[in-house]
PDB file of N, CA and C in Angstrom:
ATOM      1  N   UNK A   1       0.773  31.085  41.147  1.00  0.00           N
ATOM      2  CA  UNK A   1       1.648  30.344  42.028  1.00  0.00           C
ATOM      3  C   UNK A   1       0.934  29.964  43.313  1.00  0.00           C
ATOM      4  N   UNK A   2       0.181  30.917  43.865  1.00  0.00           N
ATOM      5  CA  UNK A   2      -0.522  30.658  45.120  1.00  0.00           C
ATOM      6  C   UNK A   2      -1.574  29.573  44.940  1.00  0.00           C
ATOM      7  N   UNK A   3      -2.234  29.570  43.806  1.00  0.00           N
ATOM      8  CA  UNK A   3      -3.262  28.576  43.530  1.00  0.00           C
ATOM      9  C   UNK A   3      -2.649  27.175  43.429  1.00  0.00           C
ATOM     10  N   UNK A   4      -1.482  27.042  42.853  1.00  0.00           N
ATOM     11  CA  UNK A   4      -0.794  25.767  42.744  1.00  0.00           C
ATOM     12  C   UNK A   4      -0.384  25.244  44.113  1.00  0.00           C
ATOM     13  N   UNK A   5       0.075  26.120  44.980  1.00  0.00           N
ATOM     14  CA  UNK A   5       0.469  25.718  46.327  1.00  0.00           C
ATOM     15  C   UNK A   5      -0.736  25.211  47.108  1.00  0.00           C
ATOM     16  N   UNK A   6      -1.882  25.862  46.960  1.00  0.00           N
ATOM     17  CA  UNK A   6      -3.098  25.410  47.637  1.00  0.00           C
ATOM     18  C   UNK A   6      -3.557  24.052  47.111  1.00  0.00           C
ATOM     19  N   UNK A   7      -3.434  23.866  45.806  1.00  0.00           N
ATOM     20  CA  UNK A   7      -3.825  22.585  45.215  1.00  0.00           C
ATOM     21  C   UNK A   7      -2.908  21.471  45.699  1.00  0.00           C
ATOM     22  N   UNK A   8      -1.624  21.752  45.841  1.00  0.00           N
ATOM     23  CA  UNK A   8      -0.676  20.759  46.333  1.00  0.00           C
ATOM     24  C   UNK A   8      -0.963  20.412  47.784  1.00  0.00           C
ATOM     25  N   UNK A   9      -1.262  21.410  48.594  1.00  0.00           N
ATOM     26  CA  UNK A   9      -1.579  21.167  50.003  1.00  0.00           C
ATOM     27  C   UNK A   9      -2.855  20.355  50.131  1.00  0.00           C
ATOM     28  N   UNK A  10      -3.842  20.660  49.323  1.00  0.00           N
ATOM     29  CA  UNK A  10      -5.100  19.906  49.347  1.00  0.00           C
ATOM     30  C   UNK A  10      -4.872  18.475  48.903  1.00  0.00           C
ATOM     31  N   UNK A  11      -4.051  18.300  47.888  1.00  0.00           N
ATOM     32  CA  UNK A  11      -3.754  16.958  47.390  1.00  0.00           C
ATOM     33  C   UNK A  11      -3.054  16.117  48.459  1.00  0.00           C
ATOM     34  N   UNK A  12      -2.094  16.718  49.149  1.00  0.00           N
ATOM     35  CA  UNK A  12      -1.386  15.997  50.214  1.00  0.00           C
ATOM     36  C   UNK A  12      -2.316  15.662  51.368  1.00  0.00           C
ATOM     37  N   UNK A  13      -3.218  16.564  51.695  1.00  0.00           N
ATOM     38  CA  UNK A  13      -4.176  16.306  52.768  1.00  0.00           C
ATOM     39  C   UNK A  13      -5.095  15.143  52.392  1.00  0.00           C
ATOM     40  N   UNK A  14      -5.543  15.121  51.147  1.00  0.00           N
ATOM     41  CA  UNK A  14      -6.397  14.027  50.704  1.00  0.00           C
ATOM     42  C   UNK A  14      -5.643  12.700  50.681  1.00  0.00           C
ATOM     43  N   UNK A  15      -4.367  12.734  50.329  1.00  0.00           N
ATOM     44  CA  UNK A  15      -3.561  11.514  50.362  1.00  0.00           C
ATOM     45  C   UNK A  15      -3.419  10.984  51.779  1.00  0.00           C
ATOM     46  N   UNK A  16      -3.238  11.885  52.738  1.00  0.00           N
ATOM     47  CA  UNK A  16      -3.133  11.462  54.138  1.00  0.00           C
ATOM     48  C   UNK A  16      -4.440  10.851  54.628  1.00  0.00           C
ATOM     49  N   UNK A  17      -5.548  11.460  54.252  1.00  0.00           N
ATOM     50  CA  UNK A  17      -6.852  10.911  54.636  1.00  0.00           C
ATOM     51  C   UNK A  17      -7.035   9.529  54.017  1.00  0.00           C
ATOM     52  N   UNK A  18      -6.656   9.383  52.762  1.00  0.00           N
ATOM     53  CA  UNK A  18      -6.741   8.086  52.093  1.00  0.00           C
ATOM     54  C   UNK A  18      -5.910   7.039  52.820  1.00  0.00           C
ATOM     55  N   UNK A  19      -4.701   7.397  53.212  1.00  0.00           N
ATOM     56  CA  UNK A  19      -3.849   6.451  53.934  1.00  0.00           C
ATOM     57  C   UNK A  19      -4.443   6.083  55.291  1.00  0.00           C
ATOM     58  N   UNK A  20      -5.022   7.039  55.992  1.00  0.00           N
ATOM     59  CA  UNK A  20      -5.659   6.746  57.282  1.00  0.00           C
ATOM     60  C   UNK A  20      -6.855   5.812  57.099  1.00  0.00           C
ATOM     61  N   UNK A  21      -7.669   6.069  56.086  1.00  0.00           N
ATOM     62  CA  UNK A  21      -8.836   5.212  55.840  1.00  0.00           C
ATOM     63  C   UNK A  21      -8.387   3.806  55.462  1.00  0.00           C
ATOM     64  N   UNK A  22      -7.399   3.694  54.593  1.00  0.00           N
ATOM     65  CA  UNK A  22      -6.886   2.377  54.222  1.00  0.00           C
ATOM     66  C   UNK A  22      -6.283   1.662  55.428  1.00  0.00           C
ATOM     67  N   UNK A  23      -5.615   2.400  56.293  1.00  0.00           N
ATOM     68  CA  UNK A  23      -5.069   1.810  57.507  1.00  0.00           C
ATOM     69  C   UNK A  23      -6.157   1.282  58.422  1.00  0.00           C
ATOM     70  N   UNK A  24      -7.232   2.037  58.565  1.00  0.00           N
ATOM     71  CA  UNK A  24      -8.356   1.586  59.384  1.00  0.00           C
ATOM     72  C   UNK A  24      -8.991   0.329  58.794  1.00  0.00           C
ATOM     73  N   UNK A  25      -9.181   0.328  57.486  1.00  0.00           N
ATOM     74  CA  UNK A  25      -9.742  -0.856  56.818  1.00  0.00           C
ATOM     75  C   UNK A  25      -8.823  -2.054  57.004  1.00  0.00           C
ATOM     76  N   UNK A  26      -7.521  -1.839  56.907  1.00  0.00           N
ATOM     77  CA  UNK A  26      -6.563  -2.935  57.069  1.00  0.00           C
ATOM     78  C   UNK A  26      -6.623  -3.511  58.474  1.00  0.00           C
ATOM     79  N   UNK A  27      -6.628  -2.658  59.493  1.00  0.00           N
ATOM     80  CA  UNK A  27      -6.654  -3.138  60.875  1.00  0.00           C
ATOM     81  C   UNK A  27      -7.954  -3.875  61.173  1.00  0.00           C
ATOM     82  N   UNK A  28      -9.069  -3.292  60.772  1.00  0.00           N
ATOM     83  CA  UNK A  28     -10.356  -3.947  61.021  1.00  0.00           C
ATOM     84  C   UNK A  28     -10.436  -5.267  60.262  1.00  0.00           C
ATOM     85  N   UNK A  29      -9.974  -5.271  59.015  1.00  0.00           N
ATOM     86  CA  UNK A  29     -10.038  -6.492  58.214  1.00  0.00           C
ATOM     87  C   UNK A  29      -9.160  -7.599  58.762  1.00  0.00           C
ATOM     88  N   UNK A  30      -7.990  -7.246  59.235  1.00  0.00           N
ATOM     89  CA  UNK A  30      -7.067  -8.273  59.722  1.00  0.00           C
ATOM     90  C   UNK A  30      -7.509  -8.831  61.070  1.00  0.00           C
ATOM     91  N   UNK A  31      -8.021  -7.976  61.945  1.00  0.00           N
ATOM     92  CA  UNK A  31      -8.373  -8.438  63.287  1.00  0.00           C
ATOM     93  C   UNK A  31      -9.838  -8.833  63.443  1.00  0.00           C
ATOM     94  N   UNK A  32     -10.645  -8.700  62.407  1.00  0.00           N
ATOM     95  CA  UNK A  32     -12.061  -9.043  62.496  1.00  0.00           C
ATOM     96  C   UNK A  32     -12.266 -10.558  62.505  1.00  0.00           C
ATOM     97  N   UNK A  33     -13.203 -10.986  63.340  1.00  0.00           N
ATOM     98  CA  UNK A  33     -13.588 -12.396  63.408  1.00  0.00           C
ATOM     99  C   UNK A  33     -15.114 -12.442  63.435  1.00  0.00           C
ATOM    100  N   UNK A  34     -15.735 -13.236  62.563  1.00  0.00           N
ATOM    101  CA  UNK A  34     -17.196 -13.332  62.569  1.00  0.00           C
ATOM    102  C   UNK A  34     -17.693 -13.879  63.908  1.00  0.00           C
ATOM    103  N   UNK A  35     -18.823 -13.354  64.383  1.00  0.00           N
ATOM    104  CA  UNK A  35     -19.314 -13.780  65.683  1.00  0.00           C
ATOM    105  C   UNK A  35     -20.486 -14.760  65.599  1.00  0.00           C
ATOM    106  N   UNK A  36     -20.897 -15.124  64.411  1.00  0.00           N
ATOM    107  CA  UNK A  36     -21.990 -16.093  64.298  1.00  0.00           C
ATOM    108  C   UNK A  36     -21.451 -17.457  63.868  1.00  0.00           C
ATOM    109  N   UNK A  37     -22.258 -18.456  64.012  1.00  0.00           N
ATOM    110  CA  UNK A  37     -21.859 -19.816  63.637  1.00  0.00           C
ATOM    111  C   UNK A  37     -22.585 -20.270  62.373  1.00  0.00           C
ATOM    112  N   UNK A  38     -22.660 -19.375  61.399  1.00  0.00           N
ATOM    113  CA  UNK A  38     -23.347 -19.711  60.156  1.00  0.00           C
ATOM    114  C   UNK A  38     -22.476 -20.610  59.291  1.00  0.00           C
ATOM    115  N   UNK A  39     -23.076 -21.080  58.229  1.00  0.00           N
ATOM    116  CA  UNK A  39     -22.358 -21.957  57.302  1.00  0.00           C
ATOM    117  C   UNK A  39     -21.277 -21.201  56.536  1.00  0.00           C
ATOM    118  N   UNK A  40     -21.393 -19.887  56.485  1.00  0.00           N
ATOM    119  CA  UNK A  40     -20.438 -19.078  55.732  1.00  0.00           C
ATOM    120  C   UNK A  40     -19.357 -18.464  56.625  1.00  0.00           C
ATOM    121  N   UNK A  41     -19.173 -18.980  57.805  1.00  0.00           N
ATOM    122  CA  UNK A  41     -18.225 -18.410  58.764  1.00  0.00           C
ATOM    123  C   UNK A  41     -16.811 -18.352  58.185  1.00  0.00           C
ATOM    124  N   UNK A  42     -16.351 -19.439  57.611  1.00  0.00           N
ATOM    125  CA  UNK A  42     -14.997 -19.484  57.061  1.00  0.00           C
ATOM    126  C   UNK A  42     -14.844 -18.531  55.885  1.00  0.00           C
ATOM    127  N   UNK A  43     -15.870 -18.428  55.052  1.00  0.00           N
ATOM    128  CA  UNK A  43     -15.825 -17.513  53.914  1.00  0.00           C
ATOM    129  C   UNK A  43     -15.710 -16.067  54.388  1.00  0.00           C
ATOM    130  N   UNK A  44     -16.477 -15.710  55.400  1.00  0.00           N
ATOM    131  CA  UNK A  44     -16.424 -14.355  55.942  1.00  0.00           C
ATOM    132  C   UNK A  44     -15.051 -14.088  56.553  1.00  0.00           C
ATOM    133  N   UNK A  45     -14.517 -15.056  57.286  1.00  0.00           N
ATOM    134  CA  UNK A  45     -13.204 -14.906  57.904  1.00  0.00           C
ATOM    135  C   UNK A  45     -12.122 -14.675  56.858  1.00  0.00           C
ATOM    136  N   UNK A  46     -12.096 -15.504  55.840  1.00  0.00           N
ATOM    137  CA  UNK A  46     -11.080 -15.384  54.796  1.00  0.00           C
ATOM    138  C   UNK A  46     -11.249 -14.075  54.019  1.00  0.00           C
ATOM    139  N   UNK A  47     -12.486 -13.687  53.743  1.00  0.00           N
ATOM    140  CA  UNK A  47     -12.738 -12.456  52.994  1.00  0.00           C
ATOM    141  C   UNK A  47     -12.233 -11.232  53.754  1.00  0.00           C
ATOM    142  N   UNK A  48     -12.473 -11.191  55.068  1.00  0.00           N
ATOM    143  CA  UNK A  48     -11.998 -10.034  55.836  1.00  0.00           C
ATOM    144  C   UNK A  48     -10.479  -9.973  55.859  1.00  0.00           C
ATOM    145  N   UNK A  49      -9.831 -11.130  55.928  1.00  0.00           N
ATOM    146  CA  UNK A  49      -8.364 -11.142  55.919  1.00  0.00           C
ATOM    147  C   UNK A  49      -7.823 -10.686  54.566  1.00  0.00           C
ATOM    148  N   UNK A  50      -8.461 -11.111  53.487  1.00  0.00           N
ATOM    149  CA  UNK A  50      -8.035 -10.700  52.143  1.00  0.00           C
ATOM    150  C   UNK A  50      -8.206  -9.196  51.965  1.00  0.00           C
ATOM    151  N   UNK A  51      -9.319  -8.653  52.444  1.00  0.00           N
ATOM    152  CA  UNK A  51      -9.545  -7.207  52.349  1.00  0.00           C
ATOM    153  C   UNK A  51      -8.488  -6.449  53.156  1.00  0.00           C
ATOM    154  N   UNK A  52      -8.167  -6.927  54.347  1.00  0.00           N
ATOM    155  CA  UNK A  52      -7.144  -6.284  55.171  1.00  0.00           C
ATOM    156  C   UNK A  52      -5.782  -6.315  54.520  1.00  0.00           C
ATOM    157  N   UNK A  53      -5.417  -7.437  53.965  1.00  0.00           N
ATOM    158  CA  UNK A  53      -4.119  -7.558  53.293  1.00  0.00           C
ATOM    159  C   UNK A  53      -4.080  -6.700  52.031  1.00  0.00           C
ATOM    160  N   UNK A  54      -5.194  -6.643  51.307  1.00  0.00           N
ATOM    161  CA  UNK A  54      -5.253  -5.795  50.114  1.00  0.00           C
ATOM    162  C   UNK A  54      -5.113  -4.316  50.490  1.00  0.00           C
ATOM    163  N   UNK A  55      -5.694  -3.910  51.607  1.00  0.00           N
ATOM    164  CA  UNK A  55      -5.550  -2.527  52.054  1.00  0.00           C
ATOM    165  C   UNK A  55      -4.098  -2.231  52.429  1.00  0.00           C
ATOM    166  N   UNK A  56      -3.434  -3.171  53.094  1.00  0.00           N
ATOM    167  CA  UNK A  56      -2.014  -2.989  53.409  1.00  0.00           C
ATOM    168  C   UNK A  56      -1.177  -2.884  52.141  1.00  0.00           C
ATOM    169  N   UNK A  57      -1.498  -3.707  51.167  1.00  0.00           N
ATOM    170  CA  UNK A  57      -0.786  -3.660  49.888  1.00  0.00           C
ATOM    171  C   UNK A  57      -0.995  -2.301  49.214  1.00  0.00           C
ATOM    172  N   UNK A  58      -2.221  -1.776  49.254  1.00  0.00           N
ATOM    173  CA  UNK A  58      -2.513  -0.477  48.644  1.00  0.00           C
ATOM    174  C   UNK A  58      -1.745   0.632  49.364  1.00  0.00           C
ATOM    175  N   UNK A  59      -1.640   0.550  50.686  1.00  0.00           N
ATOM    176  CA  UNK A  59      -0.870   1.538  51.449  1.00  0.00           C
ATOM    177  C   UNK A  59       0.596   1.478  51.035  1.00  0.00           C
ATOM    178  N   UNK A  60       1.118   0.270  50.937  1.00  0.00           N
ATOM    179  CA  UNK A  60       2.522   0.103  50.557  1.00  0.00           C
ATOM    180  C   UNK A  60       2.781   0.674  49.169  1.00  0.00           C
ATOM    181  N   UNK A  61       1.886   0.432  48.240  1.00  0.00           N
ATOM    182  CA  UNK A  61       2.045   0.953  46.874  1.00  0.00           C
ATOM    183  C   UNK A  61       1.974   2.479  46.861  1.00  0.00           C
ATOM    184  N   UNK A  62       1.050   3.033  47.645  1.00  0.00           N
ATOM    185  CA  UNK A  62       0.898   4.494  47.703  1.00  0.00           C
ATOM    186  C   UNK A  62       2.144   5.135  48.319  1.00  0.00           C
ATOM    187  N   UNK A  63       2.659   4.534  49.382  1.00  0.00           N
ATOM    188  CA  UNK A  63       3.851   5.092  50.015  1.00  0.00           C
ATOM    189  C   UNK A  63       5.065   4.999  49.091  1.00  0.00           C
ATOM    190  N   UNK A  64       5.178   3.907  48.336  1.00  0.00           N
ATOM    191  CA  UNK A  64       6.296   3.787  47.395  1.00  0.00           C
ATOM    192  C   UNK A  64       6.216   4.827  46.285  1.00  0.00           C
ATOM    193  N   UNK A  65       4.990   5.142  45.845  1.00  0.00           N
ATOM    194  CA  UNK A  65       4.836   6.092  44.748  1.00  0.00           C
ATOM    195  C   UNK A  65       5.103   7.527  45.197  1.00  0.00           C
ATOM    196  N   UNK A  66       4.958   7.822  46.492  1.00  0.00           N
ATOM    197  CA  UNK A  66       5.188   9.189  46.954  1.00  0.00           C
ATOM    198  C   UNK A  66       6.646   9.433  47.343  1.00  0.00           C
ATOM    199  N   UNK A  67       7.402   8.370  47.549  1.00  0.00           N
ATOM    200  CA  UNK A  67       8.797   8.542  47.964  1.00  0.00           C
ATOM    201  C   UNK A  67       9.710   8.666  46.781  1.00  0.00           C
TER     202      UNK A  67
END
């Protein structure tokens, strides 16, 4: 019984860390703007926004599955 409780606590801690990391990726991805004037500026901009939105979507899915 004690071993199961420790495994559950560890699992919840890892889930929280995962949510924090995904949140950080989402914030950085959404608010990031490329600082160079290269030919790929628009591609980099759109890619960072897509990554940020995908991280938010993953957070939403994870929160729905735990509730």
